[in-house]
């Protein structure tokens, strides 16, 4: 996320409005992300600490990729079976 970008996931502690602008963003020593935000409604500044959870995203991508590969392999297997049947029928006609 770039400085000045809006995100509606965090509510302002003063007015509870979810519209905010990121004023500053930097990583912490623990590997989290510290963001200074400014509420677009009351101009209150507050800090959020965000945790990156790449494992869940990676797992979802892997599951989706495996499912796609399985569908492609099924299609290839069906094509091979179809070709085998076509060749056998051609041989039988001779």
N, C-alpha and C. Protein backbone atom coordinates (compact mmCIF):
# COMPACT_ATOMS: atom_id res chain seq x y z
N UNK A 1 0.84 -1.18 0.00
CA UNK A 1 0.00 0.00 0.00
C UNK A 1 0.88 1.23 0.00
N UNK A 2 0.53 2.21 -0.78
CA UNK A 2 1.32 3.42 -0.89
C UNK A 2 0.77 4.49 0.04
N UNK A 3 1.61 5.45 0.37
CA UNK A 3 1.19 6.56 1.21
C UNK A 3 0.09 7.34 0.51
N UNK A 4 -0.97 7.66 1.24
CA UNK A 4 -2.09 8.40 0.67
C UNK A 4 -3.20 7.52 0.14
N UNK A 5 -3.02 6.20 0.15
CA UNK A 5 -4.03 5.28 -0.37
C UNK A 5 -5.11 5.04 0.70
N UNK A 6 -6.35 4.92 0.29
CA UNK A 6 -7.45 4.73 1.25
C UNK A 6 -7.77 3.25 1.42
N UNK A 7 -8.20 2.90 2.64
CA UNK A 7 -8.59 1.54 2.95
C UNK A 7 -9.74 1.59 3.93
N UNK A 8 -10.79 0.83 3.69
CA UNK A 8 -11.99 0.90 4.51
C UNK A 8 -12.06 -0.19 5.57
N UNK A 9 -10.96 -0.83 5.91
CA UNK A 9 -11.01 -1.94 6.85
C UNK A 9 -10.86 -1.52 8.30
N UNK A 10 -10.35 -0.34 8.58
CA UNK A 10 -10.08 0.09 9.95
C UNK A 10 -10.99 1.27 10.31
N UNK A 11 -11.61 1.18 11.47
CA UNK A 11 -12.50 2.25 11.94
C UNK A 11 -11.70 3.23 12.79
N UNK A 12 -12.02 4.50 12.66
CA UNK A 12 -11.39 5.56 13.44
C UNK A 12 -11.78 5.37 14.92
N UNK A 13 -10.81 5.44 15.84
CA UNK A 13 -11.13 5.27 17.25
C UNK A 13 -11.95 6.42 17.82
N UNK A 14 -11.95 7.57 17.16
CA UNK A 14 -12.67 8.74 17.67
C UNK A 14 -14.12 8.79 17.16
N UNK A 15 -14.30 8.63 15.84
CA UNK A 15 -15.64 8.79 15.26
C UNK A 15 -16.19 7.50 14.64
N UNK A 16 -15.40 6.44 14.58
CA UNK A 16 -15.78 5.13 14.03
C UNK A 16 -16.03 5.13 12.52
N UNK A 17 -15.60 6.16 11.84
CA UNK A 17 -15.72 6.19 10.38
C UNK A 17 -14.66 5.25 9.79
N UNK A 18 -14.99 4.53 8.74
CA UNK A 18 -14.06 3.57 8.14
C UNK A 18 -13.24 4.16 7.01
N UNK A 19 -13.50 5.39 6.64
CA UNK A 19 -12.72 6.01 5.56
C UNK A 19 -11.47 6.64 6.15
N UNK A 20 -10.31 6.22 5.64
CA UNK A 20 -9.04 6.75 6.14
C UNK A 20 -8.03 6.83 5.01
N UNK A 21 -6.97 7.60 5.28
CA UNK A 21 -5.87 7.72 4.34
C UNK A 21 -4.60 7.30 5.06
N UNK A 22 -3.74 6.55 4.38
CA UNK A 22 -2.47 6.14 4.97
C UNK A 22 -1.49 7.30 4.82
N UNK A 23 -0.98 7.77 5.96
CA UNK A 23 -0.05 8.90 5.97
C UNK A 23 1.39 8.40 5.90
N UNK A 24 1.67 7.32 6.63
CA UNK A 24 3.02 6.76 6.68
C UNK A 24 2.91 5.25 6.84
N UNK A 25 3.81 4.52 6.23
CA UNK A 25 3.81 3.06 6.31
C UNK A 25 5.24 2.58 6.40
N UNK A 26 5.52 1.72 7.40
CA UNK A 26 6.87 1.17 7.53
C UNK A 26 6.83 -0.18 8.22
N UNK A 27 7.79 -1.05 7.91
CA UNK A 27 7.84 -2.36 8.56
C UNK A 27 8.36 -2.24 9.99
N UNK A 28 7.93 -3.17 10.86
CA UNK A 28 8.44 -3.22 12.23
C UNK A 28 9.50 -4.31 12.32
N UNK A 29 10.18 -4.39 13.45
CA UNK A 29 11.21 -5.41 13.64
C UNK A 29 10.61 -6.81 13.71
N UNK A 30 9.33 -6.91 14.11
CA UNK A 30 8.67 -8.21 14.21
C UNK A 30 8.15 -8.71 12.87
N UNK A 31 8.30 -7.93 11.82
CA UNK A 31 7.83 -8.34 10.50
C UNK A 31 6.43 -7.87 10.18
N UNK A 32 5.82 -7.11 11.06
CA UNK A 32 4.49 -6.53 10.80
C UNK A 32 4.64 -5.22 10.04
N UNK A 33 3.52 -4.60 9.73
CA UNK A 33 3.53 -3.31 9.06
C UNK A 33 2.84 -2.29 9.96
N UNK A 34 3.52 -1.18 10.24
CA UNK A 34 2.97 -0.10 11.05
C UNK A 34 2.51 0.99 10.11
N UNK A 35 1.23 1.35 10.20
CA UNK A 35 0.69 2.41 9.34
C UNK A 35 0.10 3.52 10.19
N UNK A 36 0.45 4.75 9.83
CA UNK A 36 -0.17 5.93 10.43
C UNK A 36 -1.31 6.32 9.49
N UNK A 37 -2.49 6.45 10.04
CA UNK A 37 -3.68 6.77 9.24
C UNK A 37 -4.29 8.07 9.69
N UNK A 38 -5.01 8.71 8.77
CA UNK A 38 -5.75 9.92 9.07
C UNK A 38 -7.19 9.70 8.65
N UNK A 39 -8.10 9.91 9.59
CA UNK A 39 -9.53 9.75 9.32
C UNK A 39 -9.98 10.85 8.36
N UNK A 40 -10.73 10.50 7.34
CA UNK A 40 -11.22 11.48 6.38
C UNK A 40 -12.41 12.27 6.92
N UNK A 41 -13.01 11.80 7.99
CA UNK A 41 -14.17 12.47 8.56
C UNK A 41 -13.77 13.51 9.61
N UNK A 42 -12.95 13.11 10.61
CA UNK A 42 -12.63 14.02 11.72
C UNK A 42 -11.14 14.42 11.76
N UNK A 43 -10.34 13.95 10.80
CA UNK A 43 -8.90 14.24 10.70
C UNK A 43 -8.07 13.70 11.87
N UNK A 44 -8.62 12.82 12.66
CA UNK A 44 -7.87 12.17 13.76
C UNK A 44 -6.81 11.27 13.16
N UNK A 45 -5.61 11.28 13.76
CA UNK A 45 -4.55 10.38 13.32
C UNK A 45 -4.45 9.22 14.29
N UNK A 46 -4.30 8.01 13.75
CA UNK A 46 -4.15 6.83 14.58
C UNK A 46 -3.25 5.82 13.88
N UNK A 47 -2.75 4.85 14.65
CA UNK A 47 -1.78 3.87 14.15
C UNK A 47 -2.42 2.49 14.09
N UNK A 48 -2.14 1.77 13.02
CA UNK A 48 -2.57 0.37 12.93
C UNK A 48 -1.33 -0.48 12.71
N UNK A 49 -1.35 -1.69 13.26
CA UNK A 49 -0.29 -2.67 13.04
C UNK A 49 -0.91 -3.83 12.29
N UNK A 50 -0.38 -4.11 11.12
CA UNK A 50 -0.95 -5.15 10.26
C UNK A 50 0.03 -6.31 10.13
N UNK A 51 -0.51 -7.49 10.13
CA UNK A 51 0.29 -8.71 9.99
C UNK A 51 0.09 -9.28 8.60
N UNK A 52 1.17 -9.63 7.96
CA UNK A 52 1.10 -10.24 6.63
C UNK A 52 0.95 -11.75 6.83
N UNK A 53 -0.06 -12.32 6.21
CA UNK A 53 -0.29 -13.77 6.32
C UNK A 53 -0.21 -14.39 4.93
N UNK A 54 1.01 -14.58 4.46
CA UNK A 54 1.23 -15.13 3.12
C UNK A 54 0.93 -16.62 3.04
N UNK A 55 1.02 -17.33 4.16
CA UNK A 55 0.79 -18.77 4.13
C UNK A 55 -0.62 -19.11 3.65
N UNK A 56 -1.61 -18.39 4.12
CA UNK A 56 -2.98 -18.67 3.71
C UNK A 56 -3.15 -18.41 2.21
N UNK A 57 -2.60 -17.33 1.73
CA UNK A 57 -2.70 -17.01 0.30
C UNK A 57 -1.99 -18.08 -0.52
N UNK A 58 -0.81 -18.48 -0.08
CA UNK A 58 -0.05 -19.51 -0.80
C UNK A 58 -0.83 -20.82 -0.85
N UNK A 59 -1.44 -21.19 0.27
CA UNK A 59 -2.21 -22.43 0.32
C UNK A 59 -3.38 -22.38 -0.65
N UNK A 60 -4.07 -21.24 -0.70
CA UNK A 60 -5.20 -21.11 -1.61
C UNK A 60 -4.74 -21.16 -3.06
N UNK A 61 -3.62 -20.54 -3.36
CA UNK A 61 -3.10 -20.56 -4.72
C UNK A 61 -2.71 -21.99 -5.10
N UNK A 62 -2.05 -22.70 -4.18
CA UNK A 62 -1.66 -24.08 -4.47
C UNK A 62 -2.88 -24.96 -4.70
N UNK A 63 -3.91 -24.83 -3.88
CA UNK A 63 -5.11 -25.64 -4.04
C UNK A 63 -5.76 -25.37 -5.39
N UNK A 64 -5.85 -24.09 -5.75
CA UNK A 64 -6.45 -23.72 -7.03
C UNK A 64 -5.60 -24.25 -8.19
N UNK A 65 -4.29 -24.13 -8.08
CA UNK A 65 -3.41 -24.61 -9.14
C UNK A 65 -3.52 -26.12 -9.30
N UNK A 66 -3.55 -26.85 -8.19
CA UNK A 66 -3.67 -28.31 -8.26
C UNK A 66 -5.01 -28.69 -8.89
N UNK A 67 -6.08 -28.01 -8.52
CA UNK A 67 -7.39 -28.31 -9.10
C UNK A 67 -7.37 -28.06 -10.61
N UNK A 68 -6.74 -26.98 -11.04
CA UNK A 68 -6.65 -26.70 -12.48
C UNK A 68 -5.86 -27.79 -13.19
N UNK A 69 -4.73 -28.18 -12.58
CA UNK A 69 -3.91 -29.23 -13.19
C UNK A 69 -4.66 -30.55 -13.27
N UNK A 70 -5.43 -30.88 -12.23
CA UNK A 70 -6.20 -32.12 -12.26
C UNK A 70 -7.22 -32.09 -13.38
N UNK A 71 -7.89 -30.95 -13.58
CA UNK A 71 -8.86 -30.84 -14.68
C UNK A 71 -8.16 -30.99 -16.03
N UNK A 72 -6.98 -30.39 -16.16
CA UNK A 72 -6.24 -30.51 -17.42
C UNK A 72 -5.79 -31.95 -17.65
N UNK A 73 -5.33 -32.62 -16.59
CA UNK A 73 -4.92 -34.01 -16.73
C UNK A 73 -6.10 -34.90 -17.10
N UNK A 74 -7.28 -34.64 -16.53
CA UNK A 74 -8.47 -35.40 -16.88
C UNK A 74 -8.79 -35.21 -18.36
N UNK A 75 -8.67 -33.99 -18.84
CA UNK A 75 -8.95 -33.72 -20.25
C UNK A 75 -7.95 -34.44 -21.15
N UNK A 76 -6.69 -34.45 -20.76
CA UNK A 76 -5.67 -35.15 -21.54
C UNK A 76 -5.94 -36.65 -21.54
N UNK A 77 -6.30 -37.19 -20.38
CA UNK A 77 -6.58 -38.63 -20.28
C UNK A 77 -7.77 -39.00 -21.17
N UNK A 78 -8.80 -38.17 -21.16
CA UNK A 78 -9.96 -38.44 -22.03
C UNK A 78 -9.58 -38.39 -23.50
N UNK A 79 -8.74 -37.44 -23.85
CA UNK A 79 -8.29 -37.32 -25.24
C UNK A 79 -7.49 -38.56 -25.64
N UNK A 80 -6.61 -39.01 -24.76
CA UNK A 80 -5.81 -40.21 -25.06
C UNK A 80 -6.71 -41.43 -25.23
N UNK A 81 -7.68 -41.60 -24.34
CA UNK A 81 -8.61 -42.73 -24.45
C UNK A 81 -9.41 -42.65 -25.75
N UNK A 82 -9.84 -41.45 -26.09
CA UNK A 82 -10.59 -41.27 -27.34
C UNK A 82 -9.72 -41.65 -28.55
N UNK A 83 -8.46 -41.22 -28.54
CA UNK A 83 -7.56 -41.55 -29.65
C UNK A 83 -7.29 -43.05 -29.71
N UNK A 84 -7.13 -43.68 -28.55
CA UNK A 84 -6.91 -45.14 -28.53
C UNK A 84 -8.11 -45.86 -29.14
N UNK A 85 -9.32 -45.46 -28.74
CA UNK A 85 -10.52 -46.08 -29.28
C UNK A 85 -10.62 -45.87 -30.79
N UNK A 86 -10.29 -44.67 -31.24
CA UNK A 86 -10.36 -44.37 -32.67
C UNK A 86 -9.36 -45.23 -33.45
N UNK A 87 -8.17 -45.41 -32.90
CA UNK A 87 -7.16 -46.23 -33.58
C UNK A 87 -7.60 -47.69 -33.61
N UNK A 88 -8.15 -48.19 -32.50
CA UNK A 88 -8.59 -49.58 -32.46
C UNK A 88 -9.71 -49.80 -33.45
N UNK A 89 -10.65 -48.88 -33.57
CA UNK A 89 -11.76 -49.05 -34.50
C UNK A 89 -11.25 -49.01 -35.94
N UNK A 90 -10.24 -48.18 -36.20
CA UNK A 90 -9.66 -48.12 -37.54
C UNK A 90 -8.98 -49.44 -37.86
N UNK A 91 -8.27 -50.02 -36.91
CA UNK A 91 -7.61 -51.31 -37.11
C UNK A 91 -8.63 -52.42 -37.34
N UNK A 92 -9.75 -52.36 -36.66
CA UNK A 92 -10.76 -53.38 -36.80
C UNK A 92 -11.44 -53.30 -38.16
N UNK A 93 -11.53 -52.13 -38.73
CA UNK A 93 -12.18 -51.96 -40.02
C UNK A 93 -11.33 -52.51 -41.15
N UNK A 94 -10.04 -52.62 -40.94
CA UNK A 94 -9.13 -53.09 -42.01
C UNK A 94 -9.22 -54.55 -42.21
